[in-house]
């Protein structure tokens, strides 16, 4: 639980995030041009990243949907139990699915989600994350797009939270004691 001794150390400023996000959107626009795309936000952590990203996508046939997954609860370490709290509401048949996640570390949640999505009659799938903590990966998983790679630390801000706190911060910070 955060206490009065906790400190926030800025890793990525709002300007840095905006710059990297613009470059990422340009790449996604080029790669997915001409496709029917359903961009899927993994709630709650990816909501700010997703909102900023999709506003920069110029894909003519773009739809937005949301999935809820949970594995952290109120802790700093994944419980290992992945719960689906919300499933797709759109029909993704024949669409290219662009999954937008806040942070991929162990990869367990995204591996499970991708396995589920690949059982659907989709045209293809891409995984995009704000933060890639690939050193912590436990599952064979490759991200198609990521804004930042981080080796360690518990991150908050720009949608990332600790026990539902700090999501609102405009930059990305490491929470230290």
Protein backbone atom coordinates (compact mmCIF):
# COMPACT_ATOMS: atom_id res chain seq x y z
CA UNK A 1 0.00 0.00 0.00
CA UNK A 2 1.40 3.44 -0.87
CA UNK A 3 2.44 5.45 2.15
CA UNK A 4 3.85 8.88 2.89
CA UNK A 5 7.37 7.57 2.19
CA UNK A 6 6.56 6.51 -1.37
CA UNK A 7 8.09 8.59 -4.15
CA UNK A 8 7.19 9.00 -7.77
CA UNK A 9 10.16 9.18 -10.12
CA UNK A 10 9.22 10.35 -13.62
CA UNK A 11 10.37 7.98 -16.34
CA UNK A 12 8.43 9.37 -19.31
CA UNK A 13 7.02 12.89 -19.47
CA UNK A 14 3.72 13.69 -21.20
CA UNK A 15 5.70 15.24 -24.10
CA UNK A 16 7.84 12.12 -24.44
CA UNK A 17 4.73 9.91 -24.45
CA UNK A 18 3.03 12.09 -27.07
CA UNK A 19 6.07 12.03 -29.34
CA UNK A 20 6.51 8.27 -29.18
CA UNK A 21 2.76 7.70 -29.56
CA UNK A 22 2.67 9.79 -32.76
CA UNK A 23 5.44 7.70 -34.29
CA UNK A 24 3.69 4.49 -33.23
CA UNK A 25 0.38 5.64 -34.74
CA UNK A 26 2.15 6.44 -38.02
CA UNK A 27 3.56 2.90 -38.13
CA UNK A 28 0.19 1.32 -37.35
CA UNK A 29 -1.51 3.50 -39.99
CA UNK A 30 0.96 2.25 -42.60
CA UNK A 31 0.76 -1.40 -41.55
CA UNK A 32 -3.04 -1.63 -41.29
CA UNK A 33 -4.08 0.69 -44.13
CA UNK A 34 -6.96 -0.72 -46.15
CA UNK A 35 -7.95 -3.29 -43.53
CA UNK A 36 -11.11 -3.50 -41.45
CA UNK A 37 -9.69 -3.01 -37.96
CA UNK A 38 -11.25 -3.50 -34.55
CA UNK A 39 -9.05 -1.80 -31.98
CA UNK A 40 -9.56 -3.45 -28.59
CA UNK A 41 -8.68 -1.62 -25.40
CA UNK A 42 -7.71 -3.81 -22.45
CA UNK A 43 -9.36 -2.10 -19.48
CA UNK A 44 -8.66 -0.28 -17.29
CA UNK A 45 -4.97 0.45 -17.62
CA UNK A 46 -4.81 1.08 -21.36
CA UNK A 47 -7.66 3.59 -21.50
CA UNK A 48 -5.56 6.78 -21.81
CA UNK A 49 -3.05 5.20 -24.19
CA UNK A 50 -5.88 3.71 -26.26
CA UNK A 51 -7.79 7.01 -26.44
CA UNK A 52 -4.74 8.97 -27.52
CA UNK A 53 -3.67 6.29 -30.01
CA UNK A 54 -6.97 5.73 -31.83
CA UNK A 55 -7.46 9.47 -32.33
CA UNK A 56 -4.27 9.40 -34.40
CA UNK A 57 -5.27 6.39 -36.50
CA UNK A 58 -6.45 7.24 -40.01
CA UNK A 59 -7.84 3.81 -40.84
CA UNK A 60 -11.11 4.25 -42.71
CA UNK A 61 -12.78 1.08 -41.44
CA UNK A 62 -11.94 1.32 -37.72
CA UNK A 63 -14.14 0.22 -34.84
CA UNK A 64 -13.43 0.35 -31.12
CA UNK A 65 -14.17 -2.26 -28.49
CA UNK A 66 -13.16 -3.08 -24.93
CA UNK A 67 -12.06 -6.13 -22.96
CA UNK A 68 -11.56 -6.33 -19.21
CA UNK A 69 -8.84 -8.52 -17.70
CA UNK A 70 -7.52 -8.59 -14.17
CA UNK A 71 -4.58 -10.36 -12.55
CA UNK A 72 -3.15 -7.85 -10.07
CA UNK A 73 -6.04 -6.91 -7.78
CA UNK A 74 -4.58 -4.44 -5.28
CA UNK A 75 -1.03 -5.78 -5.28
CA UNK A 76 2.23 -5.01 -7.04
CA UNK A 77 2.69 -8.61 -8.19
CA UNK A 78 0.39 -10.56 -10.47
CA UNK A 79 -1.76 -13.09 -8.64
CA UNK A 80 -1.32 -15.48 -11.57
CA UNK A 81 -5.10 -15.79 -11.75
CA UNK A 82 -6.43 -14.06 -14.86
CA UNK A 83 -10.06 -13.02 -14.73
CA UNK A 84 -12.03 -11.80 -17.74
CA UNK A 85 -14.29 -9.03 -16.46
CA UNK A 86 -15.62 -7.87 -19.85
CA UNK A 87 -15.66 -9.50 -23.30
CA UNK A 88 -15.99 -8.07 -26.81
CA UNK A 89 -19.32 -6.56 -27.79
CA UNK A 90 -18.57 -6.24 -31.53
CA UNK A 91 -18.52 -8.98 -34.13
CA UNK A 92 -14.87 -9.29 -35.16
CA UNK A 93 -15.47 -11.81 -37.95
CA UNK A 94 -13.11 -11.00 -40.82
CA UNK A 95 -11.54 -8.06 -39.01
CA UNK A 96 -7.93 -7.38 -38.10
CA UNK A 97 -7.88 -7.14 -34.30
CA UNK A 98 -5.48 -4.62 -32.77
CA UNK A 99 -5.18 -5.36 -29.05
CA UNK A 100 -4.04 -2.29 -27.08
CA UNK A 101 -2.61 -3.05 -23.62
CA UNK A 102 -0.98 -0.85 -20.99
CA UNK A 103 1.93 -3.07 -19.93
CA UNK A 104 3.11 -6.54 -20.87
CA UNK A 105 5.47 -8.11 -18.39
CA UNK A 106 5.08 -11.86 -17.69
CA UNK A 107 2.85 -12.13 -20.77
CA UNK A 108 0.40 -14.51 -19.11
CA UNK A 109 -2.66 -12.29 -19.54
CA UNK A 110 -1.89 -11.41 -23.15
CA UNK A 111 -1.01 -15.02 -24.06
CA UNK A 112 -4.35 -16.14 -22.72
CA UNK A 113 -6.23 -13.34 -24.48
CA UNK A 114 -4.48 -13.90 -27.80
CA UNK A 115 -5.21 -17.63 -27.62
CA UNK A 116 -8.89 -16.83 -27.08
CA UNK A 117 -8.98 -14.29 -29.92
CA UNK A 118 -7.25 -16.67 -32.34
CA UNK A 119 -10.19 -19.09 -31.95
CA UNK A 120 -12.41 -16.46 -33.57
CA UNK A 121 -12.74 -16.08 -37.37
CA UNK A 122 -10.52 -12.96 -37.55
CA UNK A 123 -8.32 -11.83 -40.44
CA UNK A 124 -5.32 -11.27 -38.21
CA UNK A 125 -4.14 -9.91 -34.90
CA UNK A 126 -1.58 -7.37 -33.68
CA UNK A 127 -0.54 -6.66 -30.10
CA UNK A 128 0.32 -3.11 -29.08
CA UNK A 129 1.49 -2.09 -25.60
CA UNK A 130 2.45 1.16 -23.98
CA UNK A 131 5.17 -0.59 -21.94
CA UNK A 132 7.07 -3.76 -22.80
CA UNK A 133 8.85 -5.37 -19.83
CA UNK A 134 10.26 -8.18 -21.97
CA UNK A 135 12.89 -9.18 -19.39
CA UNK A 136 10.06 -10.44 -17.15
CA UNK A 137 8.42 -12.52 -19.89
CA UNK A 138 7.33 -16.00 -18.82
CA UNK A 139 5.33 -16.80 -21.96
CA UNK A 140 6.51 -16.84 -25.55
CA UNK A 141 4.95 -13.61 -26.73
CA UNK A 142 6.04 -10.99 -29.23
CA UNK A 143 4.64 -7.48 -29.33
CA UNK A 144 3.99 -5.98 -32.74
CA UNK A 145 4.11 -2.44 -31.37
CA UNK A 146 5.30 -0.84 -28.15
CA UNK A 147 6.05 2.69 -27.04
CA UNK A 148 8.64 1.97 -24.37
CA UNK A 149 10.74 -0.90 -23.05
CA UNK A 150 11.41 -0.93 -19.32
CA UNK A 151 13.49 -3.49 -17.43
CA UNK A 152 12.20 -3.15 -13.88
CA UNK A 153 10.17 -1.07 -11.45
CA UNK A 154 6.54 -0.69 -10.50
CA UNK A 155 5.05 1.90 -12.85
CA UNK A 156 2.07 4.20 -12.38
CA UNK A 157 0.46 7.05 -14.29
CA UNK A 158 -1.04 7.46 -17.76
CA UNK A 159 -3.52 4.69 -16.92
CA UNK A 160 -1.19 2.47 -14.88
CA UNK A 161 -2.27 2.17 -11.27
CA UNK A 162 -1.47 0.88 -7.84
CA UNK A 163 -4.68 -0.20 -6.08
CA UNK A 164 -6.67 2.11 -8.43
CA UNK A 165 -4.50 5.13 -7.51
CA UNK A 166 -2.19 7.21 -9.72
CA UNK A 167 -3.96 6.35 -13.04
CA UNK A 168 -4.74 10.02 -13.64
CA UNK A 169 -1.12 11.21 -13.71
CA UNK A 170 -0.15 12.57 -17.16
CA UNK A 171 3.34 10.99 -17.23
CA UNK A 172 4.67 7.55 -16.38
CA UNK A 173 6.40 7.22 -13.02
CA UNK A 174 8.19 4.56 -11.05
CA UNK A 175 6.69 4.13 -7.58
CA UNK A 176 9.56 3.75 -5.13
CA UNK A 177 9.77 3.50 -1.37
